[in-house]
């Protein structure tokens, strides 16, 4: 089977309407990361899984320029099956998440406060009960060059039994069962980082932190939160 035939066969396994809808949602989410200050310029990236396809933002293209005709997708082996634009340089990071977790979407940002935290401590302390949304204190993966397998490996270790991590001197990675969930949790992570930095900056005081039991208790209560019917 030639590469072109491989592309057609892999892409053809997915309903075109599902792919088109997922691409629209992905672009909208990427634009939100820029509009709400979680990235600057073309930094950061977003992906979503549709069956065996991984839709990803392209490398170095401003999000406001992306159209329906710019769909970029790869398979789980990283082979491009849709689009002419080059996938994000952080493709190894996204693929590592999909291969090792139940993620349906991944949001990677360079959020200022979360990135600042990544340079100070080995994990974001449990300053707020929203830590339970990630499975506990959010760990920091050691620094590695962007786009490398080394970065992806460190990220996976930090993501162990978590849905988010910080990348030292780099940014954030959050995954979820939908793009909205991944984005909302990314925003919460940035808010918690800002909260901890503000509290830790008060001279002569040390922020009160939640115990593991308190975080677990909040996590249990989250299970009944919202409009579950």
N, C-alpha and C. Protein backbone atom coordinates (compact mmCIF):
# COMPACT_ATOMS: atom_id res chain seq x y z
N UNK A 1 0.85 -1.20 0.00
CA UNK A 1 0.00 0.00 0.00
C UNK A 1 0.88 1.24 0.00
N UNK A 2 0.64 2.17 -0.89
CA UNK A 2 1.42 3.39 -0.96
C UNK A 2 1.02 4.33 0.14
N UNK A 3 1.86 5.35 0.36
CA UNK A 3 1.54 6.34 1.39
C UNK A 3 0.23 7.04 1.12
N UNK A 4 -0.02 7.37 -0.18
CA UNK A 4 -1.26 8.06 -0.52
C UNK A 4 -2.47 7.18 -0.24
N UNK A 5 -2.35 5.89 -0.58
CA UNK A 5 -3.46 4.98 -0.31
C UNK A 5 -3.66 4.82 1.19
N UNK A 6 -2.57 4.79 1.93
CA UNK A 6 -2.64 4.69 3.38
C UNK A 6 -3.41 5.87 3.95
N UNK A 7 -3.14 7.06 3.43
CA UNK A 7 -3.84 8.25 3.90
C UNK A 7 -5.33 8.14 3.62
N UNK A 8 -5.68 7.76 2.41
CA UNK A 8 -7.10 7.67 2.06
C UNK A 8 -7.82 6.64 2.90
N UNK A 9 -7.18 5.49 3.14
CA UNK A 9 -7.82 4.44 3.91
C UNK A 9 -8.04 4.84 5.36
N UNK A 10 -7.01 5.47 5.95
CA UNK A 10 -7.12 5.87 7.35
C UNK A 10 -8.16 6.97 7.53
N UNK A 11 -8.12 7.98 6.67
CA UNK A 11 -9.08 9.08 6.78
C UNK A 11 -10.48 8.60 6.48
N UNK A 12 -10.60 7.63 5.59
CA UNK A 12 -11.92 7.18 5.19
C UNK A 12 -12.67 6.41 6.26
N UNK A 13 -11.96 5.98 7.30
CA UNK A 13 -12.61 5.26 8.39
C UNK A 13 -13.49 6.18 9.23
N UNK A 14 -13.31 7.49 9.10
CA UNK A 14 -14.04 8.45 9.91
C UNK A 14 -15.10 9.17 9.06
N UNK A 15 -16.23 9.47 9.68
CA UNK A 15 -17.27 10.21 8.97
C UNK A 15 -16.79 11.63 8.71
N UNK A 16 -16.89 12.10 7.46
CA UNK A 16 -16.43 13.47 7.15
C UNK A 16 -17.09 14.53 8.03
N UNK A 17 -18.37 14.36 8.33
CA UNK A 17 -19.06 15.35 9.16
C UNK A 17 -18.46 15.41 10.56
N UNK A 18 -18.09 14.25 11.11
CA UNK A 18 -17.49 14.22 12.45
C UNK A 18 -16.14 14.92 12.44
N UNK A 19 -15.35 14.68 11.40
CA UNK A 19 -14.04 15.31 11.30
C UNK A 19 -14.18 16.82 11.14
N UNK A 20 -15.11 17.24 10.28
CA UNK A 20 -15.31 18.68 10.04
C UNK A 20 -15.76 19.38 11.32
N UNK A 21 -16.67 18.74 12.06
CA UNK A 21 -17.16 19.33 13.31
C UNK A 21 -16.05 19.42 14.33
N UNK A 22 -15.27 18.36 14.44
CA UNK A 22 -14.17 18.36 15.41
C UNK A 22 -13.12 19.41 15.05
N UNK A 23 -12.86 19.60 13.76
CA UNK A 23 -11.89 20.62 13.35
C UNK A 23 -12.39 22.02 13.71
N UNK A 24 -13.67 22.28 13.49
CA UNK A 24 -14.22 23.59 13.86
C UNK A 24 -14.07 23.83 15.36
N UNK A 25 -14.38 22.81 16.15
CA UNK A 25 -14.26 22.95 17.60
C UNK A 25 -12.81 23.14 18.02
N UNK A 26 -11.90 22.43 17.36
CA UNK A 26 -10.48 22.55 17.68
C UNK A 26 -9.98 23.97 17.39
N UNK A 27 -10.33 24.50 16.23
CA UNK A 27 -9.89 25.86 15.88
C UNK A 27 -10.48 26.87 16.85
N UNK A 28 -11.75 26.70 17.22
CA UNK A 28 -12.37 27.61 18.17
C UNK A 28 -11.66 27.58 19.52
N UNK A 29 -11.27 26.38 19.96
CA UNK A 29 -10.56 26.25 21.23
C UNK A 29 -9.18 26.89 21.14
N UNK A 30 -8.48 26.66 20.05
CA UNK A 30 -7.16 27.28 19.87
C UNK A 30 -7.26 28.80 19.90
N UNK A 31 -8.30 29.33 19.27
CA UNK A 31 -8.49 30.79 19.27
C UNK A 31 -8.78 31.30 20.67
N UNK A 32 -9.48 30.50 21.48
CA UNK A 32 -9.75 30.92 22.86
C UNK A 32 -8.46 31.01 23.66
N UNK A 33 -7.53 30.08 23.44
CA UNK A 33 -6.28 30.14 24.19
C UNK A 33 -5.53 31.44 23.93
N UNK A 34 -5.61 31.92 22.69
CA UNK A 34 -4.96 33.19 22.35
C UNK A 34 -5.75 34.38 22.89
N UNK A 35 -7.07 34.35 22.69
CA UNK A 35 -7.91 35.47 23.09
C UNK A 35 -7.91 35.67 24.61
N UNK A 36 -7.77 34.59 25.36
CA UNK A 36 -7.82 34.68 26.82
C UNK A 36 -6.44 34.66 27.47
N UNK A 37 -5.41 34.89 26.66
CA UNK A 37 -4.07 35.14 27.19
C UNK A 37 -3.30 33.91 27.64
N UNK A 38 -3.70 32.72 27.22
CA UNK A 38 -2.98 31.53 27.61
C UNK A 38 -1.80 31.23 26.69
N UNK A 39 -1.80 31.84 25.53
CA UNK A 39 -0.67 31.73 24.60
C UNK A 39 -0.45 33.09 23.96
N UNK A 40 0.71 33.25 23.34
CA UNK A 40 1.04 34.46 22.59
C UNK A 40 1.44 34.04 21.18
N UNK A 41 0.90 34.71 20.19
CA UNK A 41 1.25 34.39 18.82
C UNK A 41 0.82 32.99 18.44
N UNK A 42 1.75 32.21 17.90
CA UNK A 42 1.44 30.84 17.48
C UNK A 42 1.94 29.81 18.48
N UNK A 43 2.25 30.23 19.69
CA UNK A 43 2.72 29.28 20.70
C UNK A 43 1.55 28.43 21.19
N UNK A 44 1.89 27.30 21.82
CA UNK A 44 0.86 26.39 22.29
C UNK A 44 0.25 25.62 21.13
N UNK A 45 -0.56 24.62 21.45
CA UNK A 45 -1.21 23.81 20.43
C UNK A 45 -2.36 23.02 21.03
N UNK A 46 -3.26 22.57 20.16
CA UNK A 46 -4.48 21.88 20.58
C UNK A 46 -4.68 20.67 19.68
N UNK A 47 -5.23 19.60 20.25
CA UNK A 47 -5.54 18.42 19.44
C UNK A 47 -6.82 17.77 19.92
N UNK A 48 -7.41 16.95 19.06
CA UNK A 48 -8.62 16.21 19.41
C UNK A 48 -8.62 14.89 18.68
N UNK A 49 -9.15 13.87 19.33
CA UNK A 49 -9.20 12.54 18.72
C UNK A 49 -10.58 12.28 18.14
N UNK A 50 -10.60 11.79 16.91
CA UNK A 50 -11.84 11.37 16.25
C UNK A 50 -11.59 9.96 15.73
N UNK A 51 -12.04 8.97 16.46
CA UNK A 51 -11.75 7.59 16.09
C UNK A 51 -10.26 7.33 16.15
N UNK A 52 -9.68 6.94 15.02
CA UNK A 52 -8.25 6.68 14.95
C UNK A 52 -7.47 7.88 14.41
N UNK A 53 -8.15 8.99 14.19
CA UNK A 53 -7.50 10.20 13.72
C UNK A 53 -7.20 11.14 14.88
N UNK A 54 -6.06 11.80 14.83
CA UNK A 54 -5.71 12.85 15.78
C UNK A 54 -5.63 14.16 14.99
N UNK A 55 -6.60 15.05 15.22
CA UNK A 55 -6.58 16.37 14.60
C UNK A 55 -5.68 17.27 15.44
N UNK A 56 -4.80 18.02 14.79
CA UNK A 56 -3.86 18.87 15.51
C UNK A 56 -3.74 20.23 14.82
N UNK A 57 -3.45 21.24 15.61
CA UNK A 57 -3.15 22.54 15.02
C UNK A 57 -1.83 22.46 14.26
N UNK A 58 -1.70 23.20 13.17
CA UNK A 58 -0.47 23.17 12.38
C UNK A 58 0.63 24.01 13.02
N UNK A 59 1.83 23.81 12.56
CA UNK A 59 2.99 24.53 13.08
C UNK A 59 3.08 25.94 12.51
N UNK A 60 3.19 26.94 13.40
CA UNK A 60 3.50 28.30 12.99
C UNK A 60 2.45 29.04 12.21
N UNK A 61 1.17 28.63 12.32
CA UNK A 61 0.09 29.31 11.60
C UNK A 61 -0.82 30.00 12.62
N UNK A 62 -1.01 31.32 12.53
CA UNK A 62 -1.93 32.01 13.45
C UNK A 62 -3.31 31.39 13.40
N UNK A 63 -3.92 31.20 14.56
CA UNK A 63 -5.18 30.49 14.63
C UNK A 63 -6.30 31.20 13.88
N UNK A 64 -6.24 32.54 13.81
CA UNK A 64 -7.32 33.26 13.13
C UNK A 64 -7.26 33.11 11.61
N UNK A 65 -6.21 32.48 11.11
CA UNK A 65 -6.10 32.25 9.67
C UNK A 65 -6.57 30.85 9.26
N UNK A 66 -6.82 29.99 10.23
CA UNK A 66 -7.20 28.62 9.91
C UNK A 66 -8.64 28.55 9.40
N UNK A 67 -8.85 27.74 8.39
CA UNK A 67 -10.18 27.56 7.80
C UNK A 67 -10.52 26.07 7.77
N UNK A 68 -11.73 25.77 7.31
CA UNK A 68 -12.17 24.38 7.21
C UNK A 68 -11.28 23.59 6.26
N UNK A 69 -10.68 24.26 5.30
CA UNK A 69 -9.82 23.58 4.34
C UNK A 69 -8.42 23.32 4.84
N UNK A 70 -8.11 23.75 6.07
CA UNK A 70 -6.77 23.58 6.62
C UNK A 70 -6.67 22.40 7.58
N UNK A 71 -7.64 21.51 7.57
CA UNK A 71 -7.65 20.38 8.50
C UNK A 71 -6.34 19.60 8.43
N UNK A 72 -5.76 19.35 9.59
CA UNK A 72 -4.53 18.57 9.71
C UNK A 72 -4.81 17.39 10.63
N UNK A 73 -4.49 16.18 10.17
CA UNK A 73 -4.71 15.00 11.01
C UNK A 73 -3.61 13.99 10.77
N UNK A 74 -3.29 13.25 11.84
CA UNK A 74 -2.31 12.16 11.78
C UNK A 74 -2.95 10.92 12.37
N UNK A 75 -2.32 9.77 12.14
CA UNK A 75 -2.76 8.57 12.84
C UNK A 75 -1.95 8.42 14.12
N UNK A 76 -2.21 7.38 14.88
CA UNK A 76 -1.54 7.22 16.17
C UNK A 76 -0.05 6.92 16.04
N UNK A 77 0.38 6.61 14.83
CA UNK A 77 1.81 6.42 14.58
C UNK A 77 2.49 7.71 14.13
N UNK A 78 1.69 8.79 14.03
CA UNK A 78 2.25 10.08 13.65
C UNK A 78 2.30 10.33 12.17
N UNK A 79 1.76 9.42 11.35
CA UNK A 79 1.75 9.61 9.91
C UNK A 79 0.62 10.55 9.52
N UNK A 80 0.93 11.58 8.75
CA UNK A 80 -0.09 12.55 8.36
C UNK A 80 -1.04 11.93 7.35
N UNK A 81 -2.34 12.05 7.62
CA UNK A 81 -3.35 11.45 6.76
C UNK A 81 -4.33 12.47 6.19
N UNK A 82 -4.29 13.69 6.71
CA UNK A 82 -5.13 14.77 6.18
C UNK A 82 -4.35 16.07 6.20
N UNK A 83 -4.51 16.86 5.15
CA UNK A 83 -3.97 18.22 5.12
C UNK A 83 -2.59 18.34 4.52
N UNK A 84 -2.29 19.58 4.10
CA UNK A 84 -0.99 19.91 3.52
C UNK A 84 -0.11 20.67 4.49
N UNK A 85 -0.70 21.29 5.52
CA UNK A 85 0.10 22.03 6.49
C UNK A 85 0.85 21.06 7.41
N UNK A 86 2.02 21.47 7.85
CA UNK A 86 2.84 20.64 8.74
C UNK A 86 2.23 20.64 10.14
N UNK A 87 2.05 19.48 10.78
CA UNK A 87 1.51 19.44 12.15
C UNK A 87 2.41 20.16 13.14
N UNK A 88 1.84 20.52 14.27
CA UNK A 88 2.58 21.17 15.34
C UNK A 88 3.87 20.42 15.66
N UNK A 89 4.88 21.20 16.04
CA UNK A 89 6.17 20.60 16.42
C UNK A 89 6.05 19.77 17.70
N UNK A 90 4.97 19.98 18.46
CA UNK A 90 4.76 19.22 19.70
C UNK A 90 3.94 17.95 19.46
N UNK A 91 3.92 17.46 18.22
CA UNK A 91 3.17 16.25 17.92
C UNK A 91 3.57 15.08 18.81
N UNK A 92 4.86 14.84 19.11
CA UNK A 92 5.22 13.73 19.99
C UNK A 92 4.53 13.81 21.36
N UNK A 93 4.39 15.01 21.87
CA UNK A 93 3.72 15.21 23.16
C UNK A 93 2.27 14.78 23.08
N UNK A 94 1.55 15.24 22.05
CA UNK A 94 0.14 14.91 21.91
C UNK A 94 -0.05 13.42 21.70
N UNK A 95 0.76 12.82 20.83
CA UNK A 95 0.61 11.39 20.57
C UNK A 95 0.88 10.57 21.83
N UNK A 96 1.84 10.98 22.64
CA UNK A 96 2.14 10.26 23.87
C UNK A 96 0.92 10.24 24.80
N UNK A 97 0.19 11.35 24.86
CA UNK A 97 -1.00 11.40 25.69
C UNK A 97 -2.06 10.43 25.17
N UNK A 98 -2.33 10.45 23.87
CA UNK A 98 -3.37 9.59 23.31
C UNK A 98 -3.01 8.12 23.40
N UNK A 99 -1.75 7.80 23.30
CA UNK A 99 -1.34 6.39 23.36
C UNK A 99 -1.40 5.82 24.77
N UNK A 100 -1.38 6.68 25.79
CA UNK A 100 -1.24 6.22 27.17
C UNK A 100 -2.37 6.63 28.11
N UNK A 101 -3.33 7.36 27.61
CA UNK A 101 -4.45 7.80 28.45
C UNK A 101 -5.76 7.69 27.66
N UNK A 102 -6.90 7.86 28.31
CA UNK A 102 -8.18 7.84 27.59
C UNK A 102 -8.56 9.20 27.00
N UNK A 103 -7.59 10.08 26.82
CA UNK A 103 -7.86 11.44 26.36
C UNK A 103 -8.61 11.47 25.03
N UNK A 104 -9.54 12.43 24.93
CA UNK A 104 -10.19 12.73 23.66
C UNK A 104 -9.75 14.09 23.15
N UNK A 105 -9.05 14.87 24.00
CA UNK A 105 -8.59 16.20 23.61
C UNK A 105 -7.41 16.59 24.50
N UNK A 106 -6.50 17.37 23.92
CA UNK A 106 -5.31 17.85 24.66
C UNK A 106 -5.13 19.33 24.36
N UNK A 107 -4.89 20.10 25.40
CA UNK A 107 -4.59 21.53 25.26
C UNK A 107 -3.22 21.79 25.89
N UNK A 108 -2.33 22.38 25.11
CA UNK A 108 -0.99 22.74 25.59
C UNK A 108 -0.83 24.25 25.44
N UNK A 109 -0.50 24.93 26.55
CA UNK A 109 -0.35 26.38 26.51
C UNK A 109 0.96 26.81 27.14
N UNK A 110 1.24 28.11 27.00
CA UNK A 110 2.38 28.75 27.65
C UNK A 110 1.87 29.77 28.68
N UNK A 111 0.81 29.41 29.39
CA UNK A 111 0.18 30.30 30.35
C UNK A 111 1.20 30.87 31.34
N UNK A 112 1.16 32.20 31.55
CA UNK A 112 2.21 32.90 32.28
C UNK A 112 2.36 32.42 33.72
N UNK A 113 1.28 32.39 34.48
CA UNK A 113 1.40 32.07 35.90
C UNK A 113 1.75 30.60 36.11
N UNK A 114 1.17 29.73 35.34
CA UNK A 114 1.50 28.31 35.47
C UNK A 114 2.96 28.06 35.09
N UNK A 115 3.42 28.73 34.05
CA UNK A 115 4.82 28.57 33.65
C UNK A 115 5.75 29.12 34.73
N UNK A 116 5.36 30.23 35.35
CA UNK A 116 6.16 30.77 36.45
C UNK A 116 6.26 29.76 37.59
N UNK A 117 5.15 29.13 37.93
CA UNK A 117 5.15 28.11 38.99
C UNK A 117 6.11 26.98 38.64
N UNK A 118 6.14 26.61 37.35
CA UNK A 118 7.00 25.49 36.92
C UNK A 118 8.47 25.75 37.16
N UNK A 119 8.86 27.01 37.33
CA UNK A 119 10.26 27.35 37.56
C UNK A 119 10.62 27.41 39.05
N UNK A 120 9.61 27.25 39.91
CA UNK A 120 9.82 27.47 41.34
C UNK A 120 9.72 26.22 42.20
N UNK A 121 8.82 25.31 41.86
CA UNK A 121 8.52 24.17 42.73
C UNK A 121 8.35 22.89 41.89
N UNK A 122 8.48 21.72 42.51
CA UNK A 122 8.30 20.46 41.77
C UNK A 122 6.85 20.09 41.50
N UNK A 123 5.94 20.78 42.15
CA UNK A 123 4.51 20.59 41.88
C UNK A 123 3.76 21.81 42.37
N UNK A 124 2.62 22.08 41.74
CA UNK A 124 1.76 23.17 42.22
C UNK A 124 1.10 22.70 43.50
N UNK A 125 1.38 23.34 44.64
CA UNK A 125 0.81 22.89 45.91
C UNK A 125 -0.72 22.94 45.89
N UNK A 126 -1.37 22.11 46.71
CA UNK A 126 -2.84 22.07 46.75
C UNK A 126 -3.40 23.29 47.47
N UNK A 127 -3.36 24.41 46.80
CA UNK A 127 -3.80 25.68 47.36
C UNK A 127 -5.32 25.82 47.34
N UNK A 128 -5.99 24.97 46.54
CA UNK A 128 -7.44 25.07 46.37
C UNK A 128 -8.00 23.69 46.07
N UNK A 129 -9.27 23.49 46.43
CA UNK A 129 -9.85 22.16 46.22
C UNK A 129 -10.00 21.78 44.75
N UNK A 130 -9.86 22.76 43.83
CA UNK A 130 -9.93 22.42 42.41
C UNK A 130 -8.76 21.52 41.99
N UNK A 131 -7.76 21.36 42.86
CA UNK A 131 -6.69 20.40 42.56
C UNK A 131 -7.27 19.01 42.33
N UNK A 132 -8.41 18.75 42.97
CA UNK A 132 -9.05 17.44 42.82
C UNK A 132 -9.50 17.19 41.38
N UNK A 133 -9.75 18.25 40.63
CA UNK A 133 -10.18 18.10 39.24
C UNK A 133 -9.09 17.45 38.39
N UNK A 134 -7.83 17.53 38.85
CA UNK A 134 -6.71 16.98 38.10
C UNK A 134 -6.20 15.67 38.70
N UNK A 135 -6.82 15.25 39.81
CA UNK A 135 -6.38 14.03 40.47
C UNK A 135 -5.45 14.29 41.64
N UNK A 136 -5.18 15.55 41.95
CA UNK A 136 -4.30 15.91 43.05
C UNK A 136 -3.35 17.02 42.65
N UNK A 137 -2.31 17.22 43.44
CA UNK A 137 -1.33 18.26 43.15
C UNK A 137 -0.76 18.07 41.74
N UNK A 138 -0.63 19.16 41.01
CA UNK A 138 -0.18 19.09 39.62
C UNK A 138 1.35 19.09 39.58
N UNK A 139 1.92 18.01 39.07
CA UNK A 139 3.37 17.85 39.06
C UNK A 139 4.03 18.66 37.93
N UNK A 140 5.34 18.88 38.11
CA UNK A 140 6.14 19.57 37.09
C UNK A 140 7.05 18.56 36.41
N UNK A 141 6.95 18.44 35.10
CA UNK A 141 7.86 17.58 34.33
C UNK A 141 9.18 18.31 34.14
N UNK A 142 10.30 17.61 34.20
CA UNK A 142 11.61 18.28 34.05
C UNK A 142 11.76 18.90 32.67
N UNK A 143 12.56 19.94 32.61
CA UNK A 143 12.75 20.63 31.33
C UNK A 143 13.39 19.71 30.30
N UNK A 144 12.88 19.81 29.07
CA UNK A 144 13.47 19.16 27.91
C UNK A 144 13.11 20.01 26.70
N UNK A 145 13.91 19.92 25.66
CA UNK A 145 13.68 20.71 24.46
C UNK A 145 12.31 20.41 23.88
N UNK A 146 11.62 21.44 23.43
CA UNK A 146 10.28 21.26 22.88
C UNK A 146 10.32 20.34 21.66
N UNK A 147 9.22 19.60 21.49
CA UNK A 147 9.09 18.73 20.33
C UNK A 147 9.88 17.44 20.39
N UNK A 148 10.45 17.11 21.55
CA UNK A 148 11.30 15.93 21.64
C UNK A 148 10.61 14.79 22.37
N UNK A 149 11.09 13.57 22.11
CA UNK A 149 10.58 12.40 22.84
C UNK A 149 10.92 12.50 24.31
N UNK A 150 12.04 13.16 24.64
CA UNK A 150 12.43 13.33 26.04
C UNK A 150 11.38 14.16 26.79
N UNK A 151 10.90 15.22 26.15
CA UNK A 151 9.86 16.03 26.77
C UNK A 151 8.59 15.21 26.97
N UNK A 152 8.22 14.44 25.96
CA UNK A 152 7.00 13.63 26.05
C UNK A 152 7.11 12.60 27.17
N UNK A 153 8.29 11.99 27.32
CA UNK A 153 8.48 10.98 28.36
C UNK A 153 8.37 11.59 29.75
N UNK A 154 8.99 12.75 29.95
CA UNK A 154 8.89 13.43 31.24
C UNK A 154 7.47 13.85 31.54
N UNK A 155 6.76 14.29 30.52
CA UNK A 155 5.36 14.68 30.68
C UNK A 155 4.52 13.49 31.14
N UNK A 156 4.71 12.33 30.51
CA UNK A 156 3.92 11.15 30.87
C UNK A 156 4.14 10.77 32.32
N UNK A 157 5.36 10.87 32.80
CA UNK A 157 5.64 10.55 34.19
C UNK A 157 4.91 11.52 35.11
N UNK A 158 4.92 12.80 34.76
CA UNK A 158 4.23 13.81 35.57
C UNK A 158 2.71 13.63 35.51
N UNK A 159 2.21 13.07 34.42
CA UNK A 159 0.77 12.87 34.25
C UNK A 159 0.26 11.59 34.93
N UNK A 160 1.14 10.81 35.50
CA UNK A 160 0.72 9.56 36.13
C UNK A 160 -0.42 9.81 37.12
N UNK A 161 -1.54 9.19 36.93
CA UNK A 161 -2.79 9.34 37.70
C UNK A 161 -3.23 10.80 37.84
N UNK A 162 -2.89 11.61 36.86
CA UNK A 162 -3.31 13.01 36.78
C UNK A 162 -3.84 13.30 35.37
N UNK A 163 -4.57 14.39 35.23
CA UNK A 163 -5.03 14.82 33.90
C UNK A 163 -4.35 16.11 33.47
N UNK A 164 -3.38 16.57 34.24
CA UNK A 164 -2.66 17.81 33.90
C UNK A 164 -1.27 17.77 34.49
N UNK A 165 -0.37 18.50 33.86
CA UNK A 165 0.96 18.69 34.43
C UNK A 165 1.52 20.02 33.94
N UNK A 166 2.58 20.46 34.60
CA UNK A 166 3.34 21.62 34.15
C UNK A 166 4.62 21.12 33.51
N UNK A 167 5.09 21.83 32.51
CA UNK A 167 6.37 21.55 31.88
C UNK A 167 7.34 22.62 32.32
N UNK A 168 8.42 22.23 32.98
CA UNK A 168 9.34 23.21 33.56
C UNK A 168 9.85 24.19 32.51
N UNK A 169 9.79 25.48 32.86
CA UNK A 169 10.23 26.57 31.98
C UNK A 169 9.57 26.51 30.60
N UNK A 170 8.34 26.03 30.55
CA UNK A 170 7.70 25.82 29.25
C UNK A 170 6.21 26.13 29.27
N UNK A 171 5.41 25.38 30.04
CA UNK A 171 3.97 25.63 29.98
C UNK A 171 3.15 24.55 30.64
N UNK A 172 1.96 24.29 30.08
CA UNK A 172 1.00 23.36 30.67
C UNK A 172 0.55 22.34 29.64
N UNK A 173 0.14 21.18 30.15
CA UNK A 173 -0.52 20.15 29.34
C UNK A 173 -1.72 19.66 30.13
N UNK A 174 -2.88 19.69 29.49
CA UNK A 174 -4.11 19.21 30.12
C UNK A 174 -4.87 18.37 29.11
N UNK A 175 -5.40 17.22 29.55
CA UNK A 175 -6.25 16.45 28.66
C UNK A 175 -7.62 16.22 29.29
N UNK A 176 -8.59 15.92 28.44
CA UNK A 176 -9.94 15.70 28.92
C UNK A 176 -10.74 14.85 27.97
N UNK A 177 -12.00 14.58 28.35
CA UNK A 177 -12.86 13.76 27.50
C UNK A 177 -13.53 14.58 26.42
N UNK A 178 -13.40 15.90 26.49
CA UNK A 178 -13.86 16.80 25.43
C UNK A 178 -12.90 17.97 25.35
N UNK A 179 -12.98 18.72 24.24
CA UNK A 179 -12.17 19.93 24.12
C UNK A 179 -12.57 20.95 25.17
N UNK A 180 -13.87 21.09 25.41
CA UNK A 180 -14.32 22.06 26.41
C UNK A 180 -13.75 21.73 27.78
N UNK A 181 -13.76 20.46 28.15
CA UNK A 181 -13.23 20.05 29.45
C UNK A 181 -11.74 20.34 29.54
N UNK A 182 -11.00 19.99 28.48
CA UNK A 182 -9.55 20.23 28.49
C UNK A 182 -9.25 21.72 28.58
N UNK A 183 -10.02 22.53 27.86
CA UNK A 183 -9.79 23.97 27.92
C UNK A 183 -10.16 24.54 29.29
N UNK A 184 -11.34 24.17 29.81
CA UNK A 184 -11.77 24.70 31.10
C UNK A 184 -10.79 24.34 32.21
N UNK A 185 -10.28 23.12 32.17
CA UNK A 185 -9.31 22.72 33.20
C UNK A 185 -7.99 23.47 33.03
N UNK A 186 -7.62 23.78 31.79
CA UNK A 186 -6.43 24.58 31.55
C UNK A 186 -6.58 25.96 32.18
N UNK A 187 -7.75 26.56 32.00
CA UNK A 187 -8.01 27.87 32.59
C UNK A 187 -7.99 27.79 34.12
N UNK A 188 -8.54 26.71 34.68
CA UNK A 188 -8.53 26.52 36.13
C UNK A 188 -7.10 26.36 36.65
N UNK A 189 -6.27 25.64 35.90
CA UNK A 189 -4.88 25.45 36.30
C UNK A 189 -4.13 26.77 36.32
N UNK A 190 -4.37 27.60 35.33
CA UNK A 190 -3.73 28.92 35.32
C UNK A 190 -4.23 29.77 36.49
N UNK A 191 -5.52 29.69 36.80
CA UNK A 191 -6.07 30.45 37.94
C UNK A 191 -5.46 29.98 39.26
N UNK A 192 -5.35 28.66 39.44
CA UNK A 192 -4.76 28.14 40.68
C UNK A 192 -3.29 28.54 40.80
N UNK A 193 -2.60 28.57 39.68
CA UNK A 193 -1.20 28.99 39.70
C UNK A 193 -1.08 30.45 40.13
N UNK A 194 -1.96 31.26 39.58
CA UNK A 194 -1.96 32.69 39.94
C UNK A 194 -2.30 32.86 41.42
N UNK A 195 -3.24 32.07 41.93
CA UNK A 195 -3.64 32.14 43.33
C UNK A 195 -2.46 31.78 44.23
N UNK A 196 -1.76 30.69 43.92
CA UNK A 196 -0.63 30.27 44.76
C UNK A 196 0.49 31.31 44.72
N UNK A 197 0.79 31.84 43.55
CA UNK A 197 1.84 32.85 43.46
C UNK A 197 1.49 34.09 44.29
N UNK A 198 0.21 34.49 44.26
CA UNK A 198 -0.21 35.66 45.02
C UNK A 198 -0.09 35.41 46.53
N UNK A 199 -0.54 34.22 46.97
CA UNK A 199 -0.48 33.91 48.40
C UNK A 199 0.96 33.74 48.87
N UNK A 200 1.78 33.09 48.07
CA UNK A 200 3.17 32.83 48.46
C UNK A 200 4.01 34.10 48.48
N UNK A 201 3.54 35.15 47.81
CA UNK A 201 4.31 36.39 47.72
C UNK A 201 4.12 37.31 48.92
N UNK A 202 3.17 36.98 49.81
CA UNK A 202 2.92 37.84 50.97
C UNK A 202 4.04 37.65 52.00
N UNK A 203 4.79 38.69 52.31
CA UNK A 203 5.93 38.55 53.23
C UNK A 203 5.49 38.07 54.61
N UNK A 204 6.26 37.14 55.18
CA UNK A 204 6.01 36.70 56.54
C UNK A 204 4.88 35.70 56.68
N UNK A 205 4.32 35.24 55.58
CA UNK A 205 3.22 34.29 55.65
C UNK A 205 3.46 33.13 54.70
N UNK A 206 2.97 31.97 55.10
CA UNK A 206 3.04 30.78 54.25
C UNK A 206 1.62 30.33 53.94
N UNK A 207 1.28 30.11 52.69
CA UNK A 207 -0.10 29.73 52.36
C UNK A 207 -0.53 28.44 53.05
N UNK A 208 -1.76 28.41 53.56
CA UNK A 208 -2.33 27.18 54.08
C UNK A 208 -2.66 26.27 52.90
N UNK A 209 -2.32 25.00 53.00
CA UNK A 209 -2.55 24.05 51.92
C UNK A 209 -3.54 22.97 52.37
N UNK A 210 -4.20 22.36 51.41
CA UNK A 210 -5.13 21.28 51.71
C UNK A 210 -4.37 19.97 51.87
N UNK A 211 -4.88 19.10 52.71
CA UNK A 211 -4.29 17.79 52.90
C UNK A 211 -4.74 16.87 51.75
N UNK A 212 -4.02 15.76 51.53
CA UNK A 212 -4.47 14.80 50.52
C UNK A 212 -5.90 14.32 50.76
N UNK A 213 -6.25 14.13 52.03
CA UNK A 213 -7.60 13.68 52.35
C UNK A 213 -8.64 14.73 51.96
N UNK A 214 -8.33 15.99 52.18
CA UNK A 214 -9.26 17.06 51.80
C UNK A 214 -9.41 17.15 50.29
N UNK A 215 -8.33 16.95 49.57
CA UNK A 215 -8.41 16.96 48.10
C UNK A 215 -9.24 15.78 47.61
N UNK A 216 -9.04 14.60 48.20
CA UNK A 216 -9.82 13.42 47.81
C UNK A 216 -11.30 13.63 48.10
N UNK A 217 -11.60 14.25 49.24
CA UNK A 217 -12.99 14.52 49.60
C UNK A 217 -13.66 15.41 48.57
N UNK A 218 -12.94 16.43 48.11
CA UNK A 218 -13.48 17.32 47.09
C UNK A 218 -13.69 16.55 45.79
N UNK A 219 -12.74 15.67 45.45
CA UNK A 219 -12.87 14.88 44.24
C UNK A 219 -14.10 14.00 44.26
N UNK A 220 -14.40 13.42 45.41
CA UNK A 220 -15.61 12.60 45.53
C UNK A 220 -16.87 13.43 45.33
N UNK A 221 -16.85 14.64 45.88
CA UNK A 221 -18.02 15.49 45.75
C UNK A 221 -18.21 15.96 44.31
N UNK A 222 -17.10 16.13 43.59
CA UNK A 222 -17.19 16.54 42.18
C UNK A 222 -18.01 15.55 41.35
N UNK A 223 -18.01 14.30 41.77
CA UNK A 223 -18.70 13.27 40.98
C UNK A 223 -20.21 13.53 40.87
N UNK A 224 -20.75 14.28 41.80
CA UNK A 224 -22.17 14.60 41.74
C UNK A 224 -22.44 16.05 41.35
N UNK A 225 -21.40 16.74 40.86
CA UNK A 225 -21.52 18.16 40.56
C UNK A 225 -22.11 18.39 39.18
N UNK A 226 -22.90 19.45 39.05
CA UNK A 226 -23.41 19.84 37.74
C UNK A 226 -24.75 19.21 37.42
N UNK A 227 -25.11 19.25 36.13
CA UNK A 227 -26.42 18.80 35.69
C UNK A 227 -26.38 17.34 35.21
N UNK A 228 -25.96 16.44 36.13
CA UNK A 228 -25.91 15.03 35.79
C UNK A 228 -27.27 14.40 35.96
N UNK A 229 -27.76 13.79 34.88
CA UNK A 229 -29.09 13.19 34.95
C UNK A 229 -29.08 11.82 34.29
